[in-house]
Protein backbone atom coordinates (compact mmCIF):
# COMPACT_ATOMS: atom_id res chain seq x y z
CA MET A 1 0.17 0.15 -0.02
CA ARG A 2 2.83 2.54 1.02
CA ASN A 3 4.82 1.71 -2.23
CA ARG A 4 1.85 2.50 -4.42
CA LYS A 5 1.12 5.65 -2.33
CA ILE A 6 4.65 6.73 -3.06
CA ILE A 7 4.50 6.03 -6.79
CA ALA A 8 1.31 7.77 -7.04
CA LEU A 9 2.70 10.90 -5.33
CA LEU A 10 5.92 10.98 -7.37
CA VAL A 11 3.84 10.79 -10.62
CA LEU A 12 1.58 13.74 -9.31
CA MET A 13 4.77 15.83 -8.37
CA SER A 14 6.23 14.94 -11.91
CA MET A 15 3.01 16.46 -13.51
CA THR A 16 3.18 19.37 -11.21
CA VAL A 17 6.62 20.06 -12.48
CA PHE A 18 5.52 20.05 -16.04
CA LEU A 19 2.77 22.31 -15.25
CA PHE A 20 5.11 24.82 -13.74
CA ALA A 21 7.53 24.38 -16.86
CA GLY A 22 4.49 25.09 -19.11
CA CYS A 23 4.13 28.51 -17.79
CA SER A 24 7.61 29.59 -19.05
CA SER A 25 9.42 30.08 -22.25
CA ASP A 26 13.05 29.85 -23.45
CA LYS A 27 13.71 27.28 -20.70
CA GLY A 28 11.95 29.22 -18.20
CA ALA A 29 14.35 32.23 -18.03
CA ASP A 30 11.74 34.91 -18.49
CA THR A 31 8.06 35.13 -19.47
CA GLY A 32 7.52 38.92 -19.99
CA ASP A 33 6.56 40.46 -16.71
CA THR A 34 7.21 37.16 -14.85
CA GLN A 35 10.52 35.62 -14.27
CA VAL A 36 11.38 32.00 -13.35
CA LEU A 37 13.60 30.66 -10.72
CA ARG A 38 14.60 27.14 -11.60
CA ILE A 39 15.36 24.57 -8.92
CA ALA A 40 16.59 21.15 -9.81
CA HIS A 41 16.41 18.62 -7.01
CA LEU A 42 18.75 15.56 -7.07
CA ALA A 43 17.04 12.94 -4.93
CA PRO A 44 17.16 9.25 -4.80
CA LEU A 45 13.79 8.11 -6.07
CA THR A 46 14.93 4.61 -6.80
CA GLY A 47 17.46 2.19 -5.24
CA GLY A 48 18.38 1.68 -1.58
CA ALA A 49 17.84 5.26 -0.46
CA ALA A 50 14.48 5.85 -2.33
CA SER A 51 12.78 6.39 1.08
CA TYR A 52 14.81 9.30 1.74
CA GLY A 53 14.17 10.83 -1.69
CA PHE A 54 10.47 10.47 -1.12
CA TYR A 55 10.62 12.67 2.03
CA MET A 56 13.06 15.13 0.45
CA ILE A 57 10.72 15.66 -2.57
CA GLN A 58 7.56 15.92 -0.20
CA ALA A 59 9.40 18.62 1.79
CA ALA A 60 10.70 20.71 -1.15
CA SER A 61 7.56 20.47 -3.11
CA MET A 62 5.53 21.66 -0.18
CA ALA A 63 7.66 24.90 0.00
CA VAL A 64 7.41 25.48 -3.83
CA GLU A 65 3.79 25.05 -3.84
CA GLU A 66 3.28 27.33 -0.96
CA ILE A 67 5.48 30.01 -2.54
CA ASN A 68 3.90 29.89 -6.00
CA ALA A 69 0.36 29.74 -4.60
CA ALA A 70 1.17 32.96 -2.60
CA GLY A 71 2.26 34.72 -5.91
CA GLY A 72 5.82 33.78 -6.13
CA ILE A 73 8.85 35.74 -5.09
CA VAL A 74 9.15 39.57 -5.39
CA GLY A 75 12.62 40.39 -6.82
CA PRO A 76 14.95 43.19 -5.78
CA ASN A 77 13.43 45.39 -8.52
CA GLY A 78 9.81 44.48 -7.79
CA GLU A 79 9.82 41.80 -10.64
CA LYS A 80 7.65 38.69 -10.06
CA ILE A 81 9.46 35.50 -9.89
CA MET A 82 7.75 32.11 -9.98
CA ILE A 83 9.49 28.73 -9.10
CA GLU A 84 10.08 26.03 -11.72
CA TYR A 85 10.91 22.89 -9.66
CA THR A 86 12.17 19.55 -11.26
CA GLU A 87 13.12 16.46 -9.43
CA VAL A 88 15.81 14.27 -10.89
CA ASP A 89 16.26 10.68 -9.77
CA GLU A 90 20.03 10.05 -8.54
CA THR A 91 19.18 6.44 -8.09
CA SER A 92 20.95 6.17 -4.67
CA ASN A 93 24.60 5.66 -6.11
CA SER A 94 27.49 7.55 -7.13
CA ALA A 95 27.26 6.76 -10.81
CA GLY A 96 23.68 7.84 -10.80
CA ALA A 97 24.51 11.04 -9.04
CA ILE A 98 26.86 11.89 -11.80
CA ASP A 99 24.32 11.26 -14.66
CA ALA A 100 21.58 13.01 -12.67
CA THR A 101 23.79 16.08 -12.16
CA LYS A 102 24.52 16.31 -15.75
CA LYS A 103 20.72 16.16 -16.44
CA ALA A 104 20.20 18.87 -13.86
CA ILE A 105 22.88 21.09 -15.32
CA SER A 106 21.18 20.76 -18.74
CA LEU A 107 18.12 22.22 -17.25
CA GLU A 108 20.12 25.38 -16.49
CA PRO A 109 18.98 25.78 -12.87
CA HIS A 110 19.86 28.69 -10.69
CA VAL A 111 20.24 26.22 -7.68
CA ILE A 112 20.64 22.48 -7.25
CA LEU A 113 19.30 20.75 -4.24
CA GLY A 114 20.96 17.44 -3.35
CA PRO A 115 22.42 14.85 -3.92
CA ASN A 116 21.56 12.92 -0.70
CA ARG A 117 24.57 10.52 -0.32
CA SER A 118 27.90 11.47 0.48
CA GLY A 119 29.33 9.33 -2.28
CA GLY A 120 27.15 11.08 -4.68
CA VAL A 121 28.41 14.53 -3.63
CA LEU A 122 32.00 13.49 -3.87
CA ALA A 123 31.48 11.94 -7.34
CA ALA A 124 29.58 14.85 -8.86
CA GLU A 125 30.47 18.06 -7.12
CA LYS A 126 32.96 19.09 -9.67
CA LEU A 127 30.33 19.11 -12.39
CA TRP A 128 28.25 21.80 -10.58
CA LYS A 129 31.46 23.75 -9.62
CA GLU A 130 32.36 23.78 -13.33
CA ALA A 131 28.90 25.00 -14.27
CA LYS A 132 28.98 27.41 -11.49
CA ILE A 133 25.81 26.41 -9.90
CA PRO A 134 25.51 26.48 -6.06
CA ALA A 135 24.33 23.21 -4.58
CA ILE A 136 22.69 22.67 -1.25
CA THR A 137 23.28 18.91 -0.41
CA ASP A 138 22.52 16.50 2.30
CA ALA A 139 25.76 14.64 2.76
CA THR A 140 27.37 14.36 6.16
CA SER A 141 30.80 12.99 5.49
CA ALA A 142 33.65 15.19 6.46
CA LEU A 143 35.12 14.73 2.99
CA THR A 144 32.07 16.53 1.45
CA THR A 145 32.92 19.85 3.00
CA GLN A 146 33.69 22.56 0.45
CA GLN A 147 37.43 21.82 0.11
CA GLY A 148 37.93 24.20 -2.52
CA ASN A 149 34.38 23.99 -3.92
CA PRO A 150 32.70 27.37 -2.99
CA TYR A 151 29.46 26.09 -4.66
CA THR A 152 28.84 23.21 -2.20
CA PHE A 153 26.61 23.94 0.82
CA ARG A 154 25.17 21.40 3.31
CA MET A 155 21.79 21.17 4.98
CA GLN A 156 23.39 18.55 7.39
CA ILE A 157 26.42 19.11 9.61
CA SER A 158 29.38 16.73 9.25
CA SER A 159 29.34 13.58 11.29
CA GLU A 160 32.46 14.51 13.14
CA TYR A 161 30.23 16.86 15.16
CA TRP A 162 27.27 14.71 15.85
CA ILE A 163 28.64 11.43 16.24
CA PRO A 164 30.16 12.62 19.49
CA LEU A 165 26.62 13.62 20.66
CA LEU A 166 25.46 10.05 20.03
CA VAL A 167 28.37 8.60 22.08
CA ARG A 168 27.69 11.11 24.80
CA THR A 169 24.03 10.11 24.95
CA ALA A 170 25.06 6.49 25.28
CA VAL A 171 27.16 7.19 28.21
CA GLU A 172 25.16 9.82 29.96
CA LYS A 173 21.72 8.53 29.54
CA TYR A 174 22.37 4.70 29.18
CA ASN A 175 25.52 4.14 31.21
CA VAL A 176 27.24 2.33 28.12
CA LYS A 177 30.32 0.59 29.14
CA LYS A 178 31.04 -1.98 26.46
CA PRO A 179 29.82 -0.74 23.06
CA ALA A 180 29.92 -2.69 19.82
CA VAL A 181 30.01 -1.24 16.35
CA ILE A 182 28.67 -2.54 12.99
CA TYR A 183 28.88 -0.36 9.98
CA GLY A 184 28.52 -0.54 6.13
CA LEU A 185 31.33 -0.18 3.77
CA ASN A 186 30.21 3.10 2.05
CA ASP A 187 31.40 6.51 2.35
CA TYR A 188 28.63 7.73 4.56
CA SER A 189 28.94 4.85 7.20
CA LYS A 190 32.81 4.78 7.16
CA ALA A 191 32.86 8.50 8.07
CA ASN A 192 30.39 7.68 10.86
CA TRP A 193 32.87 4.90 12.18
CA ALA A 194 35.92 7.21 11.67
CA ALA A 195 34.21 9.91 13.99
CA THR A 196 33.17 7.18 16.57
CA GLU A 197 36.51 5.86 17.81
CA PRO A 198 37.89 9.17 18.98
CA SER A 199 34.49 10.11 20.51
CA MET A 200 34.59 6.80 22.53
CA THR A 201 38.05 7.33 23.44
CA LYS A 202 37.26 10.61 25.09
CA TYR A 203 34.89 8.62 27.42
CA GLY A 204 37.40 5.81 28.08
CA LEU A 205 35.56 3.38 25.92
CA GLU A 206 36.90 0.94 23.39
CA PRO A 207 34.52 -1.14 21.08
CA VAL A 208 34.45 -4.64 22.27
CA THR A 209 34.07 -5.72 18.58
CA VAL A 210 33.76 -3.92 15.31
CA GLN A 211 31.85 -5.57 12.44
CA THR A 212 31.31 -4.59 8.93
CA PHE A 213 28.89 -5.34 5.99
CA ASN A 214 28.19 -4.46 2.40
CA ASP A 215 25.19 -2.56 0.99
CA GLY A 216 22.78 -5.03 -0.13
CA ASP A 217 23.60 -7.67 2.21
CA GLN A 218 20.55 -9.66 3.70
CA ASP A 219 21.94 -11.86 6.56
CA PHE A 220 23.84 -10.25 9.40
CA SER A 221 23.67 -13.10 11.83
CA ALA A 222 27.42 -13.81 11.83
CA GLN A 223 28.28 -10.24 12.71
CA LEU A 224 25.48 -10.12 15.25
CA LEU A 225 26.55 -13.35 16.97
CA GLU A 226 30.06 -11.89 17.20
CA ILE A 227 28.61 -8.98 18.98
CA LYS A 228 26.45 -11.10 21.30
CA ASN A 229 29.46 -13.21 22.08
CA SER A 230 31.53 -10.10 22.88
CA GLY A 231 29.29 -9.13 25.78
CA ALA A 232 28.44 -5.80 24.38
CA ASP A 233 25.91 -3.64 26.25
CA ALA A 234 25.12 -1.45 23.27
CA ILE A 235 25.30 -1.62 19.56
CA PHE A 236 26.15 1.37 17.29
CA ILE A 237 24.91 0.79 13.74
CA TYR A 238 25.72 2.88 10.83
CA GLY A 239 24.23 2.20 7.50
CA TYR A 240 21.36 2.90 5.00
CA THR A 241 17.66 2.13 5.47
CA PRO A 242 17.59 -1.40 4.25
CA GLU A 243 20.44 -2.83 6.28
CA VAL A 244 19.75 -0.87 9.39
CA GLY A 245 16.21 -2.19 9.43
CA LYS A 246 17.26 -5.74 8.85
CA ILE A 247 19.98 -5.60 11.32
CA THR A 248 17.65 -4.32 13.97
CA ARG A 249 15.14 -7.14 13.23
CA GLN A 250 17.77 -9.88 13.13
CA ARG A 251 19.07 -8.66 16.40
CA SER A 252 15.73 -9.47 18.04
CA GLU A 253 15.54 -12.68 16.30
CA LEU A 254 18.89 -13.68 17.80
CA GLY A 255 17.67 -13.11 21.29
CA MET A 256 19.52 -9.61 21.66
CA ALA A 257 16.48 -7.25 21.89
CA ASP A 258 17.79 -6.26 25.42
CA ILE A 259 20.86 -4.60 23.93
CA PRO A 260 20.15 -0.99 22.98
CA VAL A 261 20.88 0.26 19.64
CA PHE A 262 22.36 3.65 18.87
CA SER A 263 22.23 4.88 15.17
CA GLU A 264 22.50 8.03 12.94
CA ARG A 265 20.01 10.21 11.35
CA ALA A 266 19.12 7.80 8.50
CA ALA A 267 17.91 5.15 11.01
CA SER A 268 15.02 7.64 11.94
CA VAL A 269 13.40 7.23 8.60
CA PRO A 270 9.77 5.55 8.97
CA SER A 271 10.81 2.95 6.51
CA VAL A 272 13.36 1.62 8.97
CA ILE A 273 10.64 1.12 11.58
CA GLU A 274 8.63 -0.89 8.99
CA LEU A 275 11.55 -2.97 8.05
CA ALA A 276 12.62 -3.73 11.64
CA GLY A 277 9.02 -4.15 13.03
CA GLU A 278 8.02 -1.62 15.52
CA GLU A 279 8.32 -4.02 18.38
CA ASN A 280 12.08 -4.58 17.41
CA TYR A 281 12.55 -0.70 17.01
CA GLU A 282 11.48 0.18 20.51
CA GLY A 283 14.37 2.03 22.38
CA MET A 284 16.25 2.90 19.39
CA VAL A 285 18.26 6.04 19.69
CA THR A 286 19.18 8.26 16.83
CA THR A 287 20.54 11.54 15.99
CA THR A 288 18.50 14.05 13.96
CA THR A 289 18.17 17.69 13.02
CA LEU A 290 14.53 17.71 13.87
CA CYS A 291 12.82 15.84 16.67
CA THR A 292 9.14 15.50 16.42
CA GLY A 293 9.07 15.23 20.12
CA ASP A 294 10.59 18.76 20.45
CA PRO A 295 8.00 20.90 22.37
CA ASP A 296 9.11 24.14 20.56
CA GLU A 297 5.88 25.75 19.23
CA SER A 298 7.22 26.51 15.66
CA VAL A 299 8.32 23.19 15.24
CA GLN A 300 4.92 21.73 16.39
CA ALA A 301 3.25 24.13 13.94
CA PHE A 302 5.33 22.99 11.06
CA LEU A 303 4.66 19.34 11.81
CA LYS A 304 0.90 19.99 11.90
CA LYS A 305 1.09 21.78 8.60
CA TYR A 306 3.11 18.95 7.11
CA ASN A 307 0.73 16.25 8.41
CA ASP A 308 -2.35 18.16 7.31
CA LYS A 309 -1.10 18.19 3.76
CA TYR A 310 0.44 14.73 3.54
CA ASP A 311 -1.33 12.73 6.29
CA ASP A 312 1.92 10.92 6.52
CA ILE A 313 4.67 10.13 9.04
CA ILE A 314 7.52 12.50 8.81
CA SER A 315 11.08 11.57 8.27
CA ALA A 316 12.51 14.45 10.35
CA THR A 317 16.01 14.14 9.26
CA HIS A 318 15.21 14.43 5.53
CA ILE A 319 12.87 17.34 5.86
CA ASN A 320 15.40 20.15 5.55
CA HIS A 321 14.88 20.94 2.05
CA TYR A 322 11.63 22.63 2.92
CA ASP A 323 13.96 25.24 4.35
CA SER A 324 16.33 24.97 1.52
CA VAL A 325 13.64 26.33 -0.79
CA TYR A 326 12.66 29.10 1.53
CA ILE A 327 16.32 30.10 1.98
CA VAL A 328 16.63 30.37 -1.73
CA LYS A 329 13.56 32.54 -1.75
CA SER A 330 15.06 34.87 0.72
CA ILE A 331 18.09 35.31 -1.27
CA VAL A 332 16.46 35.73 -4.60
CA GLU A 333 14.29 38.44 -3.12
CA LYS A 334 17.43 40.19 -2.22
CA VAL A 335 19.71 39.66 -5.28
CA GLY A 336 17.51 38.31 -8.10
CA LEU A 337 18.42 35.37 -10.31
CA ASP A 338 22.27 35.91 -10.66
CA ARG A 339 23.66 32.49 -9.76
CA GLU A 340 26.96 34.04 -8.54
CA LYS A 341 25.20 36.54 -6.38
CA ILE A 342 23.04 33.51 -4.96
CA ARG A 343 26.27 31.63 -4.22
CA GLU A 344 27.71 34.64 -2.45
CA GLU A 345 24.64 35.25 -0.29
CA LEU A 346 24.47 31.53 0.68
CA SER A 347 28.09 31.84 1.91
CA LYS A 348 27.21 34.75 3.99
CA LEU A 349 23.91 33.29 5.35
CA ASP A 350 23.67 34.42 8.93
CA GLY A 351 20.97 33.29 11.41
CA TYR A 352 18.08 32.54 8.92
CA LYS A 353 15.09 31.26 10.90
CA GLY A 354 13.56 28.37 9.19
CA ALA A 355 10.76 25.88 10.15
CA VAL A 356 13.33 23.06 10.90
CA GLY A 357 16.12 25.20 12.55
CA THR A 358 18.32 28.31 12.19
CA TYR A 359 20.93 28.39 9.55
CA THR A 360 24.32 30.14 9.36
CA ALA A 361 27.06 29.33 6.89
CA ASP A 362 30.52 28.54 7.97
CA LYS A 363 33.57 28.27 6.16
CA GLU A 364 33.07 24.74 5.19
CA GLY A 365 29.60 25.22 3.80
CA ASN A 366 27.77 23.82 6.73
CA LEU A 367 24.34 25.72 7.06
CA VAL A 368 22.98 23.51 10.19
CA HIS A 369 24.56 24.03 13.41
CA HIS A 370 22.57 21.83 15.92
CA MET A 371 21.74 18.21 16.41
CA PHE A 372 19.35 16.25 18.70
CA THR A 373 19.44 12.67 19.97
CA GLN A 374 15.95 11.09 20.38
CA VAL A 375 14.62 7.67 21.62
CA TYR A 376 11.56 5.77 20.16
CA GLU A 377 9.28 4.84 22.93
CA ASP A 378 5.77 3.84 22.53
CA GLY A 379 5.42 4.76 18.89
CA GLN A 380 6.70 8.26 19.47
CA TRP A 381 10.11 10.13 19.46
CA LYS A 382 11.18 11.48 22.63
CA LEU A 383 13.85 14.24 22.83
CA LEU A 384 16.96 13.30 24.85
CA LEU A 385 19.83 15.90 24.23
CA LYS A 386 20.41 18.81 21.93
CA GLU A 387 23.91 20.16 20.97
CA GLU A 388 24.74 23.55 19.36
CA TYR A 389 27.92 23.56 17.20
CA PRO A 390 30.15 26.60 16.76
CA VAL A 391 30.09 28.59 13.49
CA ASP A 392 33.75 28.94 12.26
CA LYS A 393 33.72 31.76 9.80
């Protein structure tokens, strides 16, 4: 049922994109008195990370629809600007991200959103740099910081910041003494593991065992039995949705349900809960940039608006591109449709208050500077800790 719902929604979104495009001429650059802001969104709509892309597209589309329904954007000279939004499938892998970025560039966008995965950003970012198109991505590997690419910005702060918060939560809230680690052999998960070891050392911890797996693996019993036999009192899991869900379920099947699980933002996607089974997911602790259990009134107002529109569970950590669209809107209101000026304003972003958080650009292109840990209890997310990170200009 849910898969059919996703497919139907994506088809509807695609139709909406064509409707927007049909209002423009000459690739949407200008329509007389109305100009067009073109946004290309690279999201994984197929492959192992498709569930992430679904929520990213929902979030960005919601913002685009709101802005266009309100009459669009008023440019710096009073010009009317409507948004033309196109989603491009980056297929959950690095090669797909390269092809998708080429397709996106051919649309001559003013801004690119995505890709989602760290490997995709690393593979494709030279393309948007050469095309001089600013890109607001989701990747969290420390390797995806700007590193000489002033066109790359990130809606998720590097794992080297928020993995320490996950470890701190394990120590302070759960008194973990003997952690085990299992991580996927992909850029994203390897970066999480690289940030974990020094974070544990800070608390005098050393993993009792470290296990790995490949994307696409189905059976994790060998690794889990090693963890069980090690006497671990906690499991840190780093991976993408399919593997995290299966590992969490198989942990219970092997009689290890009493060992708490700590994971990162991707593990809070609703499809992970479905794969694991809600009874096996109980007590899962994750990091996230938005906690649905946050009592903040503005957060709860946004969640109500989202749920009223989609009648769906939110993937809190993949919802940031709602704010991405509004950030771009605020910049275009100030400088118009000049890509280079948009990039410059992104690099100077300071204290922009969005629905999900407050955004300030640092020298590495990070826009987000906060992170939560949360625990899943009785079908709801409960806020545990929040960390604010310094902005290094």
